[in-house]
Structures are given as structure tokens and as C-alpha cells.
Amino acid sequence: MPTPQDTTQHPLWDQVAFVIERIRPAVQADGGDIELVEITQSNAVRIRMHGACVGCPSASMTLRMGIERNLQDRVPGITGVEAVD
């Protein structure tokens, strides 16, 4: 049986983590935080939102217009971003 893939070994991991670290202060300024969880085989980025982001009505807009747009602009090949619990 194959072992689970170490997602930190994804070829885009370091680039995605760098962009998220640059976005993080803006999210933290609003009382939230974001955590890079996984990059799938189809290059979708999975993040976990923390703090004020959890349950915030603007979180989905932040996810799409802020995080996803930044990642797709700065890391070629990223297909999308989704939040996980």
C-alpha cells in the first residue's frame, strides 16, 4: 500500500509558502490568520483560516480575491485555492 505523500515536498510548496507569508500580515491585522495545509496533485492550494477569519462573512472574498489572485499571479500553475476545516 502506498504511503501518503508528504505535501511539503510538492515542487511549488516553497513558492506558495513565500506568497502566503507575504499575505499573512494583512490577514493578521484584521484578527485572523492563514495556514498552508496542502497543495494537491492538481496544484490546488488548501489553506486553513484561523481567528477572526473563521465564520467571517468576508472570508470567502478574501480567499478568492486576495489569496487566490495573489497566488495565481505569483506562482504559475496554481489552479485555485480552497479553505479546509
PDB file of N, CA and C in Angstrom:
ATOM      1  N   MET A   1       0.847  -1.182   0.000  1.00  0.00           N
ATOM      2  CA  MET A   1       0.000   0.000   0.000  1.00  0.00           C
ATOM      3  C   MET A   1       0.894   1.247   0.000  1.00  0.00           C
ATOM      4  N   PRO A   2       0.640   2.215  -0.891  1.00  0.00           N
ATOM      5  CA  PRO A   2       1.487   3.406  -0.935  1.00  0.00           C
ATOM      6  C   PRO A   2       1.323   4.265   0.315  1.00  0.00           C
ATOM      7  N   THR A   3       2.408   4.927   0.684  1.00  0.00           N
ATOM      8  CA  THR A   3       2.348   5.825   1.836  1.00  0.00           C
ATOM      9  C   THR A   3       1.844   7.184   1.386  1.00  0.00           C
ATOM     10  N   PRO A   4       1.210   7.935   2.279  1.00  0.00           N
ATOM     11  CA  PRO A   4       0.724   9.257   1.910  1.00  0.00           C
ATOM     12  C   PRO A   4       1.883  10.159   1.481  1.00  0.00           C
ATOM     13  N   GLN A   5       1.635  10.991   0.498  1.00  0.00           N
ATOM     14  CA  GLN A   5       2.643  11.917   0.007  1.00  0.00           C
ATOM     15  C   GLN A   5       2.880  13.021   1.034  1.00  0.00           C
ATOM     16  N   ASP A   6       4.151  13.346   1.255  1.00  0.00           N
ATOM     17  CA  ASP A   6       4.485  14.477   2.112  1.00  0.00           C
ATOM     18  C   ASP A   6       4.220  15.730   1.296  1.00  0.00           C
ATOM     19  N   THR A   7       3.156  16.455   1.627  1.00  0.00           N
ATOM     20  CA  THR A   7       2.749  17.601   0.812  1.00  0.00           C
ATOM     21  C   THR A   7       3.760  18.729   0.846  1.00  0.00           C
ATOM     22  N   THR A   8       4.642  18.764   1.843  1.00  0.00           N
ATOM     23  CA  THR A   8       5.650  19.818   1.877  1.00  0.00           C
ATOM     24  C   THR A   8       6.710  19.587   0.803  1.00  0.00           C
ATOM     25  N   GLN A   9       6.676  18.437   0.152  1.00  0.00           N
ATOM     26  CA  GLN A   9       7.636  18.135  -0.899  1.00  0.00           C
ATOM     27  C   GLN A   9       7.099  18.488  -2.284  1.00  0.00           C
ATOM     28  N   HIS A  10       5.902  19.052  -2.350  1.00  0.00           N
ATOM     29  CA  HIS A  10       5.339  19.471  -3.628  1.00  0.00           C
ATOM     30  C   HIS A  10       6.290  20.487  -4.245  1.00  0.00           C
ATOM     31  N   PRO A  11       6.541  20.409  -5.552  1.00  0.00           N
ATOM     32  CA  PRO A  11       7.508  21.315  -6.180  1.00  0.00           C
ATOM     33  C   PRO A  11       7.181  22.805  -6.026  1.00  0.00           C
ATOM     34  N   LEU A  12       5.918  23.144  -5.806  1.00  0.00           N
ATOM     35  CA  LEU A  12       5.538  24.550  -5.662  1.00  0.00           C
ATOM     36  C   LEU A  12       5.431  25.003  -4.206  1.00  0.00           C
ATOM     37  N   TRP A  13       5.677  24.097  -3.259  1.00  0.00           N
ATOM     38  CA  TRP A  13       5.462  24.389  -1.840  1.00  0.00           C
ATOM     39  C   TRP A  13       6.186  25.656  -1.390  1.00  0.00           C
ATOM     40  N   ASP A  14       7.476  25.768  -1.665  1.00  0.00           N
ATOM     41  CA  ASP A  14       8.247  26.916  -1.177  1.00  0.00           C
ATOM     42  C   ASP A  14       7.745  28.224  -1.770  1.00  0.00           C
ATOM     43  N   GLN A  15       7.398  28.219  -3.042  1.00  0.00           N
ATOM     44  CA  GLN A  15       6.884  29.436  -3.677  1.00  0.00           C
ATOM     45  C   GLN A  15       5.547  29.850  -3.072  1.00  0.00           C
ATOM     46  N   VAL A  16       4.662  28.877  -2.875  1.00  0.00           N
ATOM     47  CA  VAL A  16       3.347  29.164  -2.298  1.00  0.00           C
ATOM     48  C   VAL A  16       3.508  29.643  -0.856  1.00  0.00           C
ATOM     49  N   ALA A  17       4.352  28.976  -0.085  1.00  0.00           N
ATOM     50  CA  ALA A  17       4.574  29.374   1.312  1.00  0.00           C
ATOM     51  C   ALA A  17       5.118  30.798   1.386  1.00  0.00           C
ATOM     52  N   PHE A  18       5.992  31.169   0.461  1.00  0.00           N
ATOM     53  CA  PHE A  18       6.554  32.524   0.433  1.00  0.00           C
ATOM     54  C   PHE A  18       5.457  33.563   0.208  1.00  0.00           C
ATOM     55  N   VAL A  19       4.570  33.299  -0.745  1.00  0.00           N
ATOM     56  CA  VAL A  19       3.481  34.244  -1.034  1.00  0.00           C
ATOM     57  C   VAL A  19       2.541  34.343   0.164  1.00  0.00           C
ATOM     58  N   ILE A  20       2.217  33.222   0.779  1.00  0.00           N
ATOM     59  CA  ILE A  20       1.326  33.239   1.939  1.00  0.00           C
ATOM     60  C   ILE A  20       1.957  34.025   3.085  1.00  0.00           C
ATOM     61  N   GLU A  21       3.254  33.899   3.284  1.00  0.00           N
ATOM     62  CA  GLU A  21       3.929  34.666   4.335  1.00  0.00           C
ATOM     63  C   GLU A  21       3.843  36.169   4.058  1.00  0.00           C
ATOM     64  N   ARG A  22       3.822  36.551   2.813  1.00  0.00           N
ATOM     65  CA  ARG A  22       3.706  37.974   2.456  1.00  0.00           C
ATOM     66  C   ARG A  22       2.276  38.481   2.633  1.00  0.00           C
ATOM     67  N   ILE A  23       1.281  37.599   2.475  1.00  0.00           N
ATOM     68  CA  ILE A  23      -0.126  37.962   2.644  1.00  0.00           C
ATOM     69  C   ILE A  23      -0.508  37.973   4.124  1.00  0.00           C
ATOM     70  N   ARG A  24       0.107  37.098   4.899  1.00  0.00           N
ATOM     71  CA  ARG A  24      -0.273  36.867   6.297  1.00  0.00           C
ATOM     72  C   ARG A  24      -0.401  38.140   7.135  1.00  0.00           C
ATOM     73  N   PRO A  25       0.518  39.119   7.083  1.00  0.00           N
ATOM     74  CA  PRO A  25       0.364  40.312   7.934  1.00  0.00           C
ATOM     75  C   PRO A  25      -0.945  41.071   7.709  1.00  0.00           C
ATOM     76  N   ALA A  26      -1.420  41.129   6.481  1.00  0.00           N
ATOM     77  CA  ALA A  26      -2.691  41.821   6.208  1.00  0.00           C
ATOM     78  C   ALA A  26      -3.854  41.070   6.842  1.00  0.00           C
ATOM     79  N   VAL A  27      -3.812  39.749   6.792  1.00  0.00           N
ATOM     80  CA  VAL A  27      -4.877  38.940   7.399  1.00  0.00           C
ATOM     81  C   VAL A  27      -4.800  39.061   8.923  1.00  0.00           C
ATOM     82  N   GLN A  28      -3.590  39.045   9.466  1.00  0.00           N
ATOM     83  CA  GLN A  28      -3.409  39.158  10.922  1.00  0.00           C
ATOM     84  C   GLN A  28      -3.845  40.529  11.426  1.00  0.00           C
ATOM     85  N   ALA A  29      -3.689  41.551  10.609  1.00  0.00           N
ATOM     86  CA  ALA A  29      -4.101  42.898  11.013  1.00  0.00           C
ATOM     87  C   ALA A  29      -5.603  42.965  11.260  1.00  0.00           C
ATOM     88  N   ASP A  30      -6.358  42.065  10.631  1.00  0.00           N
ATOM     89  CA  ASP A  30      -7.805  42.008  10.835  1.00  0.00           C
ATOM     90  C   ASP A  30      -8.201  40.956  11.870  1.00  0.00           C
ATOM     91  N   GLY A  31      -7.213  40.412  12.578  1.00  0.00           N
ATOM     92  CA  GLY A  31      -7.501  39.460  13.649  1.00  0.00           C
ATOM     93  C   GLY A  31      -7.566  38.009  13.223  1.00  0.00           C
ATOM     94  N   GLY A  32      -7.158  37.719  12.017  1.00  0.00           N
ATOM     95  CA  GLY A  32      -7.190  36.342  11.526  1.00  0.00           C
ATOM     96  C   GLY A  32      -5.801  35.816  11.237  1.00  0.00           C
ATOM     97  N   ASP A  33      -5.762  34.668  10.616  1.00  0.00           N
ATOM     98  CA  ASP A  33      -4.503  34.081  10.183  1.00  0.00           C
ATOM     99  C   ASP A  33      -4.820  33.016   9.141  1.00  0.00           C
ATOM    100  N   ILE A  34      -3.795  32.658   8.367  1.00  0.00           N
ATOM    101  CA  ILE A  34      -3.956  31.605   7.366  1.00  0.00           C
ATOM    102  C   ILE A  34      -2.803  30.627   7.492  1.00  0.00           C
ATOM    103  N   GLU A  35      -3.104  29.371   7.209  1.00  0.00           N
ATOM    104  CA  GLU A  35      -2.116  28.303   7.317  1.00  0.00           C
ATOM    105  C   GLU A  35      -2.144  27.504   6.020  1.00  0.00           C
ATOM    106  N   LEU A  36      -0.981  27.308   5.428  1.00  0.00           N
ATOM    107  CA  LEU A  36      -0.867  26.462   4.244  1.00  0.00           C
ATOM    108  C   LEU A  36      -0.950  25.012   4.695  1.00  0.00           C
ATOM    109  N   VAL A  37      -1.936  24.283   4.187  1.00  0.00           N
ATOM    110  CA  VAL A  37      -2.157  22.907   4.604  1.00  0.00           C
ATOM    111  C   VAL A  37      -1.613  21.925   3.577  1.00  0.00           C
ATOM    112  N   GLU A  38      -1.931  22.177   2.302  1.00  0.00           N
ATOM    113  CA  GLU A  38      -1.608  21.188   1.273  1.00  0.00           C
ATOM    114  C   GLU A  38      -1.650  21.845  -0.102  1.00  0.00           C
ATOM    115  N   ILE A  39      -0.893  21.270  -1.015  1.00  0.00           N
ATOM    116  CA  ILE A  39      -1.034  21.573  -2.434  1.00  0.00           C
ATOM    117  C   ILE A  39      -1.332  20.237  -3.088  1.00  0.00           C
ATOM    118  N   THR A  40      -2.474  20.149  -3.752  1.00  0.00           N
ATOM    119  CA  THR A  40      -2.903  18.887  -4.335  1.00  0.00           C
ATOM    120  C   THR A  40      -2.111  18.563  -5.605  1.00  0.00           C
ATOM    121  N   GLN A  41      -2.294  17.359  -6.109  1.00  0.00           N
ATOM    122  CA  GLN A  41      -1.639  16.957  -7.347  1.00  0.00           C
ATOM    123  C   GLN A  41      -2.093  17.804  -8.528  1.00  0.00           C
ATOM    124  N   SER A  42      -3.289  18.389  -8.426  1.00  0.00           N
ATOM    125  CA  SER A  42      -3.782  19.257  -9.495  1.00  0.00           C
ATOM    126  C   SER A  42      -3.405  20.725  -9.250  1.00  0.00           C
ATOM    127  N   ASN A  43      -2.499  20.963  -8.300  1.00  0.00           N
ATOM    128  CA  ASN A  43      -1.987  22.302  -7.965  1.00  0.00           C
ATOM    129  C   ASN A  43      -3.028  23.237  -7.360  1.00  0.00           C
ATOM    130  N   ALA A  44      -4.011  22.679  -6.683  1.00  0.00           N
ATOM    131  CA  ALA A  44      -4.939  23.486  -5.898  1.00  0.00           C
ATOM    132  C   ALA A  44      -4.335  23.639  -4.501  1.00  0.00           C
ATOM    133  N   VAL A  45      -4.356  24.852  -3.991  1.00  0.00           N
ATOM    134  CA  VAL A  45      -3.794  25.141  -2.674  1.00  0.00           C
ATOM    135  C   VAL A  45      -4.914  25.038  -1.645  1.00  0.00           C
ATOM    136  N   ARG A  46      -4.651  24.303  -0.583  1.00  0.00           N
ATOM    137  CA  ARG A  46      -5.613  24.185   0.516  1.00  0.00           C
ATOM    138  C   ARG A  46      -5.049  24.923   1.718  1.00  0.00           C
ATOM    139  N   ILE A  47      -5.861  25.835   2.258  1.00  0.00           N
ATOM    140  CA  ILE A  47      -5.443  26.617   3.416  1.00  0.00           C
ATOM    141  C   ILE A  47      -6.464  26.468   4.532  1.00  0.00           C
ATOM    142  N   ARG A  48      -6.017  26.732   5.735  1.00  0.00           N
ATOM    143  CA  ARG A  48      -6.909  26.752   6.897  1.00  0.00           C
ATOM    144  C   ARG A  48      -6.906  28.180   7.430  1.00  0.00           C
ATOM    145  N   MET A  49      -8.102  28.687   7.665  1.00  0.00           N
ATOM    146  CA  MET A  49      -8.233  30.038   8.195  1.00  0.00           C
ATOM    147  C   MET A  49      -8.435  29.955   9.703  1.00  0.00           C
ATOM    148  N   HIS A  50      -7.845  30.912  10.415  1.00  0.00           N
ATOM    149  CA  HIS A  50      -7.886  30.928  11.874  1.00  0.00           C
ATOM    150  C   HIS A  50      -8.385  32.278  12.380  1.00  0.00           C
ATOM    151  N   GLY A  51      -8.690  32.317  13.663  1.00  0.00           N
ATOM    152  CA  GLY A  51      -9.051  33.567  14.338  1.00  0.00           C
ATOM    153  C   GLY A  51     -10.310  34.193  13.783  1.00  0.00           C
ATOM    154  N   ALA A  52     -10.244  35.489  13.551  1.00  0.00           N
ATOM    155  CA  ALA A  52     -11.415  36.239  13.092  1.00  0.00           C
ATOM    156  C   ALA A  52     -11.886  35.802  11.713  1.00  0.00           C
ATOM    157  N   CYS A  53     -11.029  35.101  10.975  1.00  0.00           N
ATOM    158  CA  CYS A  53     -11.429  34.636   9.631  1.00  0.00           C
ATOM    159  C   CYS A  53     -12.500  33.550   9.695  1.00  0.00           C
ATOM    160  N   VAL A  54     -12.494  32.786  10.775  1.00  0.00           N
ATOM    161  CA  VAL A  54     -13.454  31.695  10.921  1.00  0.00           C
ATOM    162  C   VAL A  54     -14.843  32.288  11.118  1.00  0.00           C
ATOM    163  N   GLY A  55     -15.728  32.002  10.214  1.00  0.00           N
ATOM    164  CA  GLY A  55     -17.094  32.499  10.303  1.00  0.00           C
ATOM    165  C   GLY A  55     -17.289  33.922   9.811  1.00  0.00           C
ATOM    166  N   CYS A  56     -16.233  34.562   9.352  1.00  0.00           N
ATOM    167  CA  CYS A  56     -16.344  35.944   8.865  1.00  0.00           C
ATOM    168  C   CYS A  56     -17.032  35.948   7.504  1.00  0.00           C
ATOM    169  N   PRO A  57     -18.034  36.811   7.311  1.00  0.00           N
ATOM    170  CA  PRO A  57     -18.724  36.864   6.028  1.00  0.00           C
ATOM    171  C   PRO A  57     -17.822  37.281   4.868  1.00  0.00           C
ATOM    172  N   SER A  58     -16.736  37.974   5.170  1.00  0.00           N
ATOM    173  CA  SER A  58     -15.821  38.415   4.113  1.00  0.00           C
ATOM    174  C   SER A  58     -14.730  37.400   3.808  1.00  0.00           C
ATOM    175  N   ALA A  59     -14.675  36.306   4.542  1.00  0.00           N
ATOM    176  CA  ALA A  59     -13.598  35.329   4.369  1.00  0.00           C
ATOM    177  C   ALA A  59     -13.566  34.744   2.962  1.00  0.00           C
ATOM    178  N   SER A  60     -14.710  34.455   2.384  1.00  0.00           N
ATOM    179  CA  SER A  60     -14.711  33.867   1.038  1.00  0.00           C
ATOM    180  C   SER A  60     -14.197  34.870   0.005  1.00  0.00           C
ATOM    181  N   MET A  61     -14.494  36.147   0.196  1.00  0.00           N
ATOM    182  CA  MET A  61     -13.972  37.164  -0.719  1.00  0.00           C
ATOM    183  C   MET A  61     -12.459  37.305  -0.539  1.00  0.00           C
ATOM    184  N   THR A  62     -12.009  37.290   0.704  1.00  0.00           N
ATOM    185  CA  THR A  62     -10.569  37.340   0.967  1.00  0.00           C
ATOM    186  C   THR A  62      -9.885  36.157   0.319  1.00  0.00           C
ATOM    187  N   LEU A  63     -10.496  34.999   0.436  1.00  0.00           N
ATOM    188  CA  LEU A  63      -9.935  33.784  -0.129  1.00  0.00           C
ATOM    189  C   LEU A  63      -9.797  33.905  -1.646  1.00  0.00           C
ATOM    190  N   ARG A  64     -10.860  34.307  -2.314  1.00  0.00           N
ATOM    191  CA  ARG A  64     -10.856  34.368  -3.783  1.00  0.00           C
ATOM    192  C   ARG A  64     -10.119  35.583  -4.332  1.00  0.00           C
ATOM    193  N   MET A  65     -10.478  36.760  -3.853  1.00  0.00           N
ATOM    194  CA  MET A  65      -9.949  37.990  -4.439  1.00  0.00           C
ATOM    195  C   MET A  65      -8.548  38.335  -3.916  1.00  0.00           C
ATOM    196  N   GLY A  66      -8.240  37.894  -2.730  1.00  0.00           N
ATOM    197  CA  GLY A  66      -6.936  38.220  -2.158  1.00  0.00           C
ATOM    198  C   GLY A  66      -5.936  37.088  -2.300  1.00  0.00           C
ATOM    199  N   ILE A  67      -6.204  35.996  -1.627  1.00  0.00           N
ATOM    200  CA  ILE A  67      -5.240  34.903  -1.564  1.00  0.00           C
ATOM    201  C   ILE A  67      -5.110  34.197  -2.908  1.00  0.00           C
ATOM    202  N   GLU A  68      -6.225  33.772  -3.482  1.00  0.00           N
ATOM    203  CA  GLU A  68      -6.169  33.042  -4.748  1.00  0.00           C
ATOM    204  C   GLU A  68      -5.553  33.897  -5.857  1.00  0.00           C
ATOM    205  N   ARG A  69      -5.992  35.131  -5.960  1.00  0.00           N
ATOM    206  CA  ARG A  69      -5.472  36.008  -7.013  1.00  0.00           C
ATOM    207  C   ARG A  69      -3.969  36.211  -6.863  1.00  0.00           C
ATOM    208  N   ASN A  70      -3.511  36.477  -5.637  1.00  0.00           N
ATOM    209  CA  ASN A  70      -2.077  36.651  -5.396  1.00  0.00           C
ATOM    210  C   ASN A  70      -1.283  35.404  -5.750  1.00  0.00           C
ATOM    211  N   LEU A  71      -1.778  34.256  -5.327  1.00  0.00           N
ATOM    212  CA  LEU A  71      -1.056  33.022  -5.622  1.00  0.00           C
ATOM    213  C   LEU A  71      -1.016  32.744  -7.120  1.00  0.00           C
ATOM    214  N   GLN A  72      -2.132  32.907  -7.806  1.00  0.00           N
ATOM    215  CA  GLN A  72      -2.155  32.633  -9.243  1.00  0.00           C
ATOM    216  C   GLN A  72      -1.289  33.632 -10.009  1.00  0.00           C
ATOM    217  N   ASP A  73      -1.216  34.876  -9.546  1.00  0.00           N
ATOM    218  CA  ASP A  73      -0.369  35.879 -10.201  1.00  0.00           C
ATOM    219  C   ASP A  73       1.117  35.599  -9.985  1.00  0.00           C
ATOM    220  N   ARG A  74       1.473  35.066  -8.824  1.00  0.00           N
ATOM    221  CA  ARG A  74       2.881  34.934  -8.450  1.00  0.00           C
ATOM    222  C   ARG A  74       3.455  33.526  -8.579  1.00  0.00           C
ATOM    223  N   VAL A  75       2.585  32.512  -8.651  1.00  0.00           N
ATOM    224  CA  VAL A  75       3.069  31.130  -8.748  1.00  0.00           C
ATOM    225  C   VAL A  75       2.391  30.464  -9.948  1.00  0.00           C
ATOM    226  N   PRO A  76       3.082  30.416 -11.075  1.00  0.00           N
ATOM    227  CA  PRO A  76       2.492  29.781 -12.264  1.00  0.00           C
ATOM    228  C   PRO A  76       2.097  28.337 -11.983  1.00  0.00           C
ATOM    229  N   GLY A  77       0.904  27.984 -12.457  1.00  0.00           N
ATOM    230  CA  GLY A  77       0.440  26.610 -12.310  1.00  0.00           C
ATOM    231  C   GLY A  77      -0.597  26.400 -11.222  1.00  0.00           C
ATOM    232  N   ILE A  78      -0.764  27.364 -10.313  1.00  0.00           N
ATOM    233  CA  ILE A  78      -1.760  27.203  -9.248  1.00  0.00           C
ATOM    234  C   ILE A  78      -3.137  27.272  -9.884  1.00  0.00           C
ATOM    235  N   THR A  79      -3.958  26.260  -9.615  1.00  0.00           N
ATOM    236  CA  THR A  79      -5.274  26.152 -10.240  1.00  0.00           C
ATOM    237  C   THR A  79      -6.399  26.768  -9.407  1.00  0.00           C
ATOM    238  N   GLY A  80      -6.163  26.973  -8.130  1.00  0.00           N
ATOM    239  CA  GLY A  80      -7.188  27.550  -7.271  1.00  0.00           C
ATOM    240  C   GLY A  80      -6.803  27.423  -5.816  1.00  0.00           C
ATOM    241  N   VAL A  81      -7.643  27.981  -4.964  1.00  0.00           N
ATOM    242  CA  VAL A  81      -7.430  27.939  -3.522  1.00  0.00           C
ATOM    243  C   VAL A  81      -8.736  27.554  -2.859  1.00  0.00           C
ATOM    244  N   GLU A  82      -8.651  26.682  -1.880  1.00  0.00           N
ATOM    245  CA  GLU A  82      -9.848  26.307  -1.126  1.00  0.00           C
ATOM    246  C   GLU A  82      -9.522  26.250   0.348  1.00  0.00           C
ATOM    247  N   ALA A  83     -10.508  26.598   1.147  1.00  0.00           N
ATOM    248  CA  ALA A  83     -10.349  26.555   2.606  1.00  0.00           C
ATOM    249  C   ALA A  83     -10.771  25.184   3.110  1.00  0.00           C
ATOM    250  N   VAL A  84     -10.043  24.686   4.097  1.00  0.00           N
ATOM    251  CA  VAL A  84     -10.386  23.420   4.749  1.00  0.00           C
ATOM    252  C   VAL A  84     -10.576  23.689   6.235  1.00  0.00           C
ATOM    253  N   ASP A  85     -11.320  22.795   6.893  1.00  0.00           N
ATOM    254  CA  ASP A  85     -11.540  22.931   8.344  1.00  0.00           C
ATOM    255  C   ASP A  85     -10.391  22.332   9.112  1.00  0.00           C
TER     256      ASP A  85
END
